[in-house]
PDB file of N, CA and C in Angstrom:
ATOM      1  N   MET A   1      10.575  22.619  30.715  1.00  0.00           N
ATOM      2  CA  MET A   1      11.736  22.499  29.557  1.00  0.00           C
ATOM      3  C   MET A   1      11.838  23.825  29.342  1.00  0.00           C
ATOM      4  N   ASP A   2      12.681  24.296  28.602  1.00  0.00           N
ATOM      5  CA  ASP A   2      12.817  25.861  27.974  1.00  0.00           C
ATOM      6  C   ASP A   2      12.969  25.359  26.804  1.00  0.00           C
ATOM      7  N   LEU A   3      13.039  26.643  26.325  1.00  0.00           N
ATOM      8  CA  LEU A   3      12.961  26.879  24.755  1.00  0.00           C
ATOM      9  C   LEU A   3      14.369  26.589  23.429  1.00  0.00           C
ATOM     10  N   THR A   4      15.595  26.265  24.116  1.00  0.00           N
ATOM     11  CA  THR A   4      16.677  25.532  23.440  1.00  0.00           C
ATOM     12  C   THR A   4      16.371  24.167  23.268  1.00  0.00           C
ATOM     13  N   ALA A   5      15.817  23.435  24.588  1.00  0.00           N
ATOM     14  CA  ALA A   5      15.923  22.724  24.505  1.00  0.00           C
ATOM     15  C   ALA A   5      14.936  21.693  24.057  1.00  0.00           C
ATOM     16  N   LEU A   6      13.187  22.029  24.023  1.00  0.00           N
ATOM     17  CA  LEU A   6      13.115  22.523  22.858  1.00  0.00           C
ATOM     18  C   LEU A   6      12.928  21.988  21.805  1.00  0.00           C
ATOM     19  N   ILE A   7      13.638  23.389  21.002  1.00  0.00           N
ATOM     20  CA  ILE A   7      14.214  23.075  19.693  1.00  0.00           C
ATOM     21  C   ILE A   7      14.654  22.372  19.401  1.00  0.00           C
ATOM     22  N   SER A   8      15.948  21.502  19.886  1.00  0.00           N
ATOM     23  CA  SER A   8      16.653  21.276  19.403  1.00  0.00           C
ATOM     24  C   SER A   8      16.128  19.805  19.147  1.00  0.00           C
ATOM     25  N   ALA A   9      15.395  19.436  19.671  1.00  0.00           N
ATOM     26  CA  ALA A   9      14.266  17.927  20.545  1.00  0.00           C
ATOM     27  C   ALA A   9      13.660  17.643  18.890  1.00  0.00           C
ATOM     28  N   ILE A  10      12.460  19.007  19.196  1.00  0.00           N
ATOM     29  CA  ILE A  10      12.130  18.488  17.260  1.00  0.00           C
ATOM     30  C   ILE A  10      13.006  18.898  16.496  1.00  0.00           C
ATOM     31  N   GLN A  11      14.517  19.541  16.534  1.00  0.00           N
ATOM     32  CA  GLN A  11      15.136  19.471  15.079  1.00  0.00           C
ATOM     33  C   GLN A  11      15.827  18.341  14.995  1.00  0.00           C
ATOM     34  N   SER A  12      16.107  17.819  16.262  1.00  0.00           N
ATOM     35  CA  SER A  12      16.701  16.417  16.001  1.00  0.00           C
ATOM     36  C   SER A  12      15.730  15.183  15.821  1.00  0.00           C
ATOM     37  N   SER A  13      14.197  15.503  16.147  1.00  0.00           N
ATOM     38  CA  SER A  13      13.269  14.086  15.532  1.00  0.00           C
ATOM     39  C   SER A  13      12.961  14.346  14.359  1.00  0.00           C
ATOM     40  N   THR A  14      13.191  15.694  13.715  1.00  0.00           N
ATOM     41  CA  THR A  14      12.412  16.338  12.576  1.00  0.00           C
ATOM     42  C   THR A  14      13.833  16.233  11.433  1.00  0.00           C
ATOM     43  N   ALA A  15      15.042  15.999  11.952  1.00  0.00           N
ATOM     44  CA  ALA A  15      16.081  15.270  11.203  1.00  0.00           C
ATOM     45  C   ALA A  15      16.179  13.779  10.836  1.00  0.00           C
ATOM     46  N   ILE A  16      15.326  13.083  12.158  1.00  0.00           N
ATOM     47  CA  ILE A  16      15.452  11.162  11.907  1.00  0.00           C
ATOM     48  C   ILE A  16      14.268  10.771  11.011  1.00  0.00           C
ATOM     49  N   ALA A  17      12.935  12.321  11.100  1.00  0.00           N
ATOM     50  CA  ALA A  17      11.804  11.751  10.071  1.00  0.00           C
ATOM     51  C   ALA A  17      12.172  12.053   8.582  1.00  0.00           C
ATOM     52  N   ILE A  18      13.201  13.196   8.472  1.00  0.00           N
ATOM     53  CA  ILE A  18      13.212  13.062   6.680  1.00  0.00           C
ATOM     54  C   ILE A  18      14.297  12.426   6.506  1.00  0.00           C
ATOM     55  N   GLY A  19      15.375  11.791   7.603  1.00  0.00           N
ATOM     56  CA  GLY A  19      16.083  10.709   6.692  1.00  0.00           C
ATOM     57  C   GLY A  19      15.351   9.330   6.615  1.00  0.00           C
ATOM     58  N   VAL A  20      14.374   8.714   7.213  1.00  0.00           N
ATOM     59  CA  VAL A  20      13.389   7.827   7.276  1.00  0.00           C
ATOM     60  C   VAL A  20      12.458   8.419   5.802  1.00  0.00           C
ATOM     61  N   ILE A  21      11.447   9.238   5.814  1.00  0.00           N
ATOM     62  CA  ILE A  21      10.769   9.586   4.722  1.00  0.00           C
ATOM     63  C   ILE A  21      11.763   9.505   3.236  1.00  0.00           C
ATOM     64  N   ILE A  22      12.712  10.463   3.178  1.00  0.00           N
ATOM     65  CA  ILE A  22      13.748  10.059   1.866  1.00  0.00           C
ATOM     66  C   ILE A  22      14.359   8.357   1.707  1.00  0.00           C
ATOM     67  N   GLY A  23      14.615   7.753   2.925  1.00  0.00           N
ATOM     68  CA  GLY A  23      15.340   6.499   2.799  1.00  0.00           C
ATOM     69  C   GLY A  23      13.752   5.611   2.336  1.00  0.00           C
ATOM     70  N   LEU A  24      13.111   5.426   2.631  1.00  0.00           N
ATOM     71  CA  LEU A  24      12.600   4.674   2.608  1.00  0.00           C
ATOM     72  C   LEU A  24      11.288   4.832   1.165  1.00  0.00           C
ATOM     73  N   GLY A  25      11.128   6.308   0.475  1.00  0.00           N
ATOM     74  CA  GLY A  25      11.119   6.628  -0.405  1.00  0.00           C
ATOM     75  C   GLY A  25      11.646   5.756  -1.571  1.00  0.00           C
ATOM     76  N   ALA A  26      13.078   6.466  -1.477  1.00  0.00           N
ATOM     77  CA  ALA A  26      14.231   6.132  -2.462  1.00  0.00           C
ATOM     78  C   ALA A  26      13.976   4.702  -2.509  1.00  0.00           C
ATOM     79  N   LEU A  27      13.834   3.640  -1.089  1.00  0.00           N
ATOM     80  CA  LEU A  27      13.501   2.034  -1.094  1.00  0.00           C
ATOM     81  C   LEU A  27      12.411   1.436  -2.273  1.00  0.00           C
ATOM     82  N   GLY A  28      11.172   2.145  -1.658  1.00  0.00           N
ATOM     83  CA  GLY A  28       9.893   1.816  -2.373  1.00  0.00           C
ATOM     84  C   GLY A  28      10.210   1.906  -3.738  1.00  0.00           C
ATOM     85  N   ALA A  29      11.073   3.237  -4.567  1.00  0.00           N
ATOM     86  CA  ALA A  29      11.249   3.755  -5.818  1.00  0.00           C
ATOM     87  C   ALA A  29      11.835   2.542  -6.558  1.00  0.00           C
ATOM     88  N   CYS A  30      12.885   2.691  -5.599  1.00  0.00           N
ATOM     89  CA  CYS A  30      13.818   1.403  -6.564  1.00  0.00           C
ATOM     90  C   CYS A  30      13.353  -0.148  -6.899  1.00  0.00           C
ATOM     91  N   LEU A  31      12.436  -0.315  -5.744  1.00  0.00           N
ATOM     92  CA  LEU A  31      11.924  -1.794  -5.717  1.00  0.00           C
ATOM     93  C   LEU A  31      11.158  -1.919  -6.842  1.00  0.00           C
ATOM     94  N   GLY A  32       9.971  -0.531  -6.763  1.00  0.00           N
ATOM     95  CA  GLY A  32       8.946  -0.829  -7.914  1.00  0.00           C
ATOM     96  C   GLY A  32       9.475  -0.439  -9.128  1.00  0.00           C
ATOM     97  N   ILE A  33      10.407   0.339 -10.017  1.00  0.00           N
ATOM     98  CA  ILE A  33      11.279   0.033 -10.657  1.00  0.00           C
ATOM     99  C   ILE A  33      12.097  -1.243 -11.554  1.00  0.00           C
ATOM    100  N   ALA A  34      12.647  -1.911  -9.822  1.00  0.00           N
ATOM    101  CA  ALA A  34      13.236  -2.816 -10.879  1.00  0.00           C
ATOM    102  C   ALA A  34      12.059  -4.151 -10.381  1.00  0.00           C
ATOM    103  N   ILE A  35      11.146  -3.896 -10.069  1.00  0.00           N
ATOM    104  CA  ILE A  35       9.914  -5.272 -10.388  1.00  0.00           C
ATOM    105  C   ILE A  35       9.196  -4.925 -11.454  1.00  0.00           C
ATOM    106  N   MET A  36       8.632  -3.676 -12.164  1.00  0.00           N
ATOM    107  CA  MET A  36       8.078  -3.189 -13.445  1.00  0.00           C
ATOM    108  C   MET A  36       9.158  -3.609 -14.784  1.00  0.00           C
ATOM    109  N   GLY A  37      10.757  -3.355 -14.147  1.00  0.00           N
ATOM    110  CA  GLY A  37      11.229  -3.980 -15.387  1.00  0.00           C
ATOM    111  C   GLY A  37      11.391  -5.229 -15.558  1.00  0.00           C
ATOM    112  N   SER A  38      11.550  -5.939 -14.400  1.00  0.00           N
ATOM    113  CA  SER A  38      11.914  -7.275 -15.432  1.00  0.00           C
ATOM    114  C   SER A  38      10.560  -7.605 -15.622  1.00  0.00           C
ATOM    115  N   LYS A  39       9.378  -7.098 -15.096  1.00  0.00           N
ATOM    116  CA  LYS A  39       7.628  -7.838 -15.691  1.00  0.00           C
ATOM    117  C   LYS A  39       8.271  -7.269 -17.555  1.00  0.00           C
ATOM    118  N   PHE A  40       8.203  -6.223 -17.410  1.00  0.00           N
ATOM    119  CA  PHE A  40       8.735  -5.925 -18.538  1.00  0.00           C
ATOM    120  C   PHE A  40       9.321  -6.978 -19.410  1.00  0.00           C
ATOM    121  N   LEU A  41      10.844  -6.964 -18.927  1.00  0.00           N
ATOM    122  CA  LEU A  41      11.561  -7.981 -19.703  1.00  0.00           C
ATOM    123  C   LEU A  41      11.135  -8.857 -20.086  1.00  0.00           C
ATOM    124  N   GLU A  42      10.218  -9.427 -19.359  1.00  0.00           N
ATOM    125  CA  GLU A  42       9.924 -11.012 -18.836  1.00  0.00           C
ATOM    126  C   GLU A  42       8.679 -10.886 -20.060  1.00  0.00           C
ATOM    127  N   SER A  43       7.651  -9.989 -20.172  1.00  0.00           N
ATOM    128  CA  SER A  43       6.670 -10.052 -21.177  1.00  0.00           C
ATOM    129  C   SER A  43       7.393  -9.582 -22.352  1.00  0.00           C
ATOM    130  N   ALA A  44       8.297  -8.826 -22.789  1.00  0.00           N
ATOM    131  CA  ALA A  44       8.737  -8.589 -23.951  1.00  0.00           C
ATOM    132  C   ALA A  44       9.363 -10.113 -24.896  1.00  0.00           C
ATOM    133  N   ALA A  45       9.743 -10.196 -23.939  1.00  0.00           N
ATOM    134  CA  ALA A  45      10.567 -12.554 -24.546  1.00  0.00           C
ATOM    135  C   ALA A  45       9.309 -13.125 -24.839  1.00  0.00           C
ATOM    136  N   ARG A  46       8.087 -12.816 -23.991  1.00  0.00           N
ATOM    137  CA  ARG A  46       6.734 -13.622 -23.931  1.00  0.00           C
ATOM    138  C   ARG A  46       6.483 -13.471 -25.873  1.00  0.00           C
ATOM    139  N   GLN A  47       6.128 -12.118 -26.127  1.00  0.00           N
ATOM    140  CA  GLN A  47       5.580 -11.192 -26.913  1.00  0.00           C
ATOM    141  C   GLN A  47       6.279 -10.296 -27.131  1.00  0.00           C
ATOM    142  N   PRO A  48       7.354 -10.156 -27.940  1.00  0.00           N
ATOM    143  CA  PRO A  48       8.094  -9.436 -29.012  1.00  0.00           C
ATOM    144  C   PRO A  48       7.509  -8.376 -29.982  1.00  0.00           C
ATOM    145  N   GLU A  49       5.671  -8.780 -30.084  1.00  0.00           N
ATOM    146  CA  GLU A  49       5.404  -7.336 -31.655  1.00  0.00           C
ATOM    147  C   GLU A  49       4.848  -6.756 -30.379  1.00  0.00           C
ATOM    148  N   LEU A  50       4.267  -7.368 -28.338  1.00  0.00           N
ATOM    149  CA  LEU A  50       3.967  -5.955 -28.437  1.00  0.00           C
ATOM    150  C   LEU A  50       4.724  -5.386 -27.691  1.00  0.00           C
ATOM    151  N   VAL A  51       6.341  -4.628 -27.885  1.00  0.00           N
ATOM    152  CA  VAL A  51       7.660  -4.114 -27.388  1.00  0.00           C
ATOM    153  C   VAL A  51       6.774  -2.857 -27.291  1.00  0.00           C
ATOM    154  N   PRO A  52       6.260  -2.258 -28.044  1.00  0.00           N
ATOM    155  CA  PRO A  52       5.958  -0.751 -28.116  1.00  0.00           C
ATOM    156  C   PRO A  52       5.537  -0.864 -27.540  1.00  0.00           C
ATOM    157  N   MET A  53       4.103  -0.782 -27.546  1.00  0.00           N
ATOM    158  CA  MET A  53       3.092  -0.612 -26.722  1.00  0.00           C
ATOM    159  C   MET A  53       3.389  -0.847 -25.084  1.00  0.00           C
ATOM    160  N   LEU A  54       3.927  -1.589 -24.629  1.00  0.00           N
ATOM    161  CA  LEU A  54       4.269  -2.016 -23.218  1.00  0.00           C
ATOM    162  C   LEU A  54       5.667  -1.215 -22.825  1.00  0.00           C
ATOM    163  N   SER A  55       6.754  -0.599 -23.835  1.00  0.00           N
ATOM    164  CA  SER A  55       7.433   0.274 -23.485  1.00  0.00           C
ATOM    165  C   SER A  55       7.081   1.591 -23.216  1.00  0.00           C
ATOM    166  N   GLY A  56       6.059   2.214 -23.965  1.00  0.00           N
ATOM    167  CA  GLY A  56       5.311   3.286 -23.400  1.00  0.00           C
ATOM    168  C   GLY A  56       4.745   3.221 -22.049  1.00  0.00           C
ATOM    169  N   ARG A  57       3.980   2.366 -22.054  1.00  0.00           N
ATOM    170  CA  ARG A  57       3.871   1.882 -20.296  1.00  0.00           C
ATOM    171  C   ARG A  57       4.318   1.499 -19.206  1.00  0.00           C
ATOM    172  N   MET A  58       6.008   1.206 -20.030  1.00  0.00           N
ATOM    173  CA  MET A  58       6.552   1.274 -18.628  1.00  0.00           C
ATOM    174  C   MET A  58       6.789   2.165 -18.380  1.00  0.00           C
ATOM    175  N   PHE A  59       7.380   3.207 -19.496  1.00  0.00           N
ATOM    176  CA  PHE A  59       7.443   4.689 -19.180  1.00  0.00           C
ATOM    177  C   PHE A  59       6.742   5.261 -18.183  1.00  0.00           C
ATOM    178  N   LEU A  60       5.472   5.667 -18.909  1.00  0.00           N
ATOM    179  CA  LEU A  60       5.012   6.385 -18.177  1.00  0.00           C
ATOM    180  C   LEU A  60       4.785   5.480 -16.223  1.00  0.00           C
ATOM    181  N   LEU A  61       4.553   4.535 -16.118  1.00  0.00           N
ATOM    182  CA  LEU A  61       5.034   3.922 -14.893  1.00  0.00           C
ATOM    183  C   LEU A  61       6.203   4.393 -13.732  1.00  0.00           C
ATOM    184  N   ALA A  62       7.109   4.614 -14.805  1.00  0.00           N
ATOM    185  CA  ALA A  62       8.397   4.769 -14.146  1.00  0.00           C
ATOM    186  C   ALA A  62       8.438   5.899 -13.673  1.00  0.00           C
ATOM    187  N   GLY A  63       7.509   6.989 -14.508  1.00  0.00           N
ATOM    188  CA  GLY A  63       7.387   8.125 -14.182  1.00  0.00           C
ATOM    189  C   GLY A  63       6.317   8.723 -12.781  1.00  0.00           C
ATOM    190  N   LEU A  64       5.431   7.967 -12.396  1.00  0.00           N
ATOM    191  CA  LEU A  64       4.914   7.730 -11.555  1.00  0.00           C
ATOM    192  C   LEU A  64       5.331   7.492 -10.282  1.00  0.00           C
ATOM    193  N   ILE A  65       6.139   5.996 -10.152  1.00  0.00           N
ATOM    194  CA  ILE A  65       6.688   5.995 -10.021  1.00  0.00           C
ATOM    195  C   ILE A  65       7.922   6.441  -9.176  1.00  0.00           C
ATOM    196  N   ASP A  66       8.679   7.581  -9.634  1.00  0.00           N
ATOM    197  CA  ASP A  66       9.700   8.741  -9.264  1.00  0.00           C
ATOM    198  C   ASP A  66       8.939   9.840  -9.048  1.00  0.00           C
ATOM    199  N   ALA A  67       7.817   9.820  -9.338  1.00  0.00           N
ATOM    200  CA  ALA A  67       6.610  10.990  -9.055  1.00  0.00           C
ATOM    201  C   ALA A  67       6.505  10.713  -7.123  1.00  0.00           C
ATOM    202  N   ALA A  68       6.453   9.939  -7.253  1.00  0.00           N
ATOM    203  CA  ALA A  68       6.277   9.705  -5.503  1.00  0.00           C
ATOM    204  C   ALA A  68       6.722   9.986  -4.563  1.00  0.00           C
ATOM    205  N   PHE A  69       8.129   9.436  -5.225  1.00  0.00           N
ATOM    206  CA  PHE A  69       9.545  10.246  -4.484  1.00  0.00           C
ATOM    207  C   PHE A  69       9.683  11.042  -4.412  1.00  0.00           C
ATOM    208  N   ILE A  70       9.840  11.797  -5.551  1.00  0.00           N
ATOM    209  CA  ILE A  70       9.873  13.146  -5.422  1.00  0.00           C
ATOM    210  C   ILE A  70       8.795  14.039  -4.735  1.00  0.00           C
ATOM    211  N   ILE A  71       7.825  13.772  -4.565  1.00  0.00           N
ATOM    212  CA  ILE A  71       6.486  14.218  -3.586  1.00  0.00           C
ATOM    213  C   ILE A  71       6.987  14.016  -2.531  1.00  0.00           C
ATOM    214  N   GLY A  72       7.640  13.260  -1.504  1.00  0.00           N
ATOM    215  CA  GLY A  72       8.090  12.669  -0.189  1.00  0.00           C
ATOM    216  C   GLY A  72       9.442  13.293  -0.091  1.00  0.00           C
ATOM    217  N   LEU A  73       9.927  13.680  -1.117  1.00  0.00           N
ATOM    218  CA  LEU A  73      11.325  14.454  -1.036  1.00  0.00           C
ATOM    219  C   LEU A  73      10.814  15.873  -0.911  1.00  0.00           C
ATOM    220  N   ALA A  74      10.413  16.320  -1.572  1.00  0.00           N
ATOM    221  CA  ALA A  74       9.129  17.620  -1.736  1.00  0.00           C
ATOM    222  C   ALA A  74       9.084  18.083   0.008  1.00  0.00           C
ATOM    223  N   ILE A  75       8.361  17.276   0.736  1.00  0.00           N
ATOM    224  CA  ILE A  75       7.763  17.061   1.995  1.00  0.00           C
ATOM    225  C   ILE A  75       8.998  17.210   2.907  1.00  0.00           C
ATOM    226  N   ALA A  76      10.081  16.441   2.466  1.00  0.00           N
ATOM    227  CA  ALA A  76      11.013  15.805   3.470  1.00  0.00           C
ATOM    228  C   ALA A  76      11.887  17.239   3.763  1.00  0.00           C
ATOM    229  N   LEU A  77      11.934  17.937   1.846  1.00  0.00           N
ATOM    230  CA  LEU A  77      12.629  19.480   2.037  1.00  0.00           C
ATOM    231  C   LEU A  77      12.037  20.740   2.925  1.00  0.00           C
ATOM    232  N   PHE A  78      10.875  20.367   3.036  1.00  0.00           N
ATOM    233  CA  PHE A  78       9.888  21.707   3.391  1.00  0.00           C
ATOM    234  C   PHE A  78      10.006  21.482   5.095  1.00  0.00           C
ATOM    235  N   PHE A  79      10.147  20.448   5.717  1.00  0.00           N
ATOM    236  CA  PHE A  79      10.557  20.184   7.053  1.00  0.00           C
ATOM    237  C   PHE A  79      11.308  20.501   7.421  1.00  0.00           C
ATOM    238  N   ALA A  80      12.549  20.315   6.447  1.00  0.00           N
ATOM    239  CA  ALA A  80      13.432  20.643   6.747  1.00  0.00           C
ATOM    240  C   ALA A  80      14.212  22.181   6.931  1.00  0.00           C
ATOM    241  N   PHE A  81      13.267  23.128   5.990  1.00  0.00           N
ATOM    242  CA  PHE A  81      13.994  24.707   5.737  1.00  0.00           C
ATOM    243  C   PHE A  81      12.922  25.463   6.254  1.00  0.00           C
ATOM    244  N   ALA A  82      11.339  24.614   6.287  1.00  0.00           N
ATOM    245  CA  ALA A  82      10.321  25.288   6.809  1.00  0.00           C
ATOM    246  C   ALA A  82       9.596  25.101   8.191  1.00  0.00           C
ATOM    247  N   ASN A  83       9.938  24.064   8.612  1.00  0.00           N
ATOM    248  CA  ASN A  83       9.596  23.810   9.691  1.00  0.00           C
ATOM    249  C   ASN A  83       8.175  24.042  10.675  1.00  0.00           C
ATOM    250  N   PRO A  84       7.493  24.073  10.284  1.00  0.00           N
ATOM    251  CA  PRO A  84       6.190  24.175  11.202  1.00  0.00           C
ATOM    252  C   PRO A  84       6.121  24.089  12.744  1.00  0.00           C
ATOM    253  N   LEU A  85       6.353  23.375  12.646  1.00  0.00           N
ATOM    254  CA  LEU A  85       6.494  22.671  14.124  1.00  0.00           C
ATOM    255  C   LEU A  85       7.610  23.496  15.363  1.00  0.00           C
ATOM    256  N   LEU A  86       8.239  24.347  14.537  1.00  0.00           N
ATOM    257  CA  LEU A  86       9.202  25.090  15.246  1.00  0.00           C
ATOM    258  C   LEU A  86       8.785  26.084  15.294  1.00  0.00           C
ATOM    259  N   SER A  87       8.087  27.087  14.740  1.00  0.00           N
ATOM    260  CA  SER A  87       6.690  27.665  15.363  1.00  0.00           C
ATOM    261  C   SER A  87       5.941  28.041  15.889  1.00  0.00           C
ATOM    262  N   ALA A  88       5.278  26.385  15.685  1.00  0.00           N
ATOM    263  CA  ALA A  88       4.082  26.132  16.926  1.00  0.00           C
ATOM    264  C   ALA A  88       4.454  26.203  18.598  1.00  0.00           C
ATOM    265  N   ALA A  89       6.010  25.582  18.519  1.00  0.00           N
ATOM    266  CA  ALA A  89       6.641  25.254  19.599  1.00  0.00           C
ATOM    267  C   ALA A  89       7.223  26.861  20.434  1.00  0.00           C
ATOM    268  N   THR A  90       7.535  27.118  19.258  1.00  0.00           N
ATOM    269  CA  THR A  90       7.972  28.601  19.841  1.00  0.00           C
ATOM    270  C   THR A  90       6.822  29.586  20.214  1.00  0.00           C
ATOM    271  N   ALA A  91       5.710  29.562  19.617  1.00  0.00           N
ATOM    272  CA  ALA A  91       4.104  29.942  20.012  1.00  0.00           C
ATOM    273  C   ALA A  91       3.999  29.601  21.374  1.00  0.00           C
ATOM    274  N   ALA A  92       4.263  28.187  21.748  1.00  0.00           N
ATOM    275  CA  ALA A  92       3.149  27.192  23.029  1.00  0.00           C
ATOM    276  C   ALA A  92       3.810  28.155  23.952  1.00  0.00           C
ATOM    277  N   VAL A  93       5.325  28.024  23.560  1.00  0.00           N
ATOM    278  CA  VAL A  93       5.866  28.357  24.979  1.00  0.00           C
ATOM    279  C   VAL A  93       6.461  29.904  25.301  1.00  0.00           C
ATOM    280  N   GLY A  94       5.761  31.300  24.275  1.00  0.00           N
ATOM    281  CA  GLY A  94       5.651  32.353  24.491  1.00  0.00           C
ATOM    282  C   GLY A  94       7.174  33.072  23.850  1.00  0.00           C
ATOM    283  N   GLY A  95       7.932  32.472  22.973  1.00  0.00           N
ATOM    284  CA  GLY A  95       9.209  32.958  22.667  1.00  0.00           C
ATOM    285  C   GLY A  95       9.605  33.609  21.826  1.00  0.00           C
TER     286      GLY A  95
END
């Protein structure tokens, strides 16, 4: 396998992986926020006196859920712009 075919195979596989990482991360974050929001509204309707405490915890959890997506996004951008697989492949081929 020559170097250009190897590089194009790595880049295409990396592009697919980036799409999967970002897509599944966004889907998971959206589902997590939606389920948490519905449970917050349900608990606020049952016990309205607990709304101030529950809203603070809800926003904390929303930040943690979004942080997990942002970490996945950062990893995907790392592979998009500074792909360590390309340098390892070129070093292995000797190019």
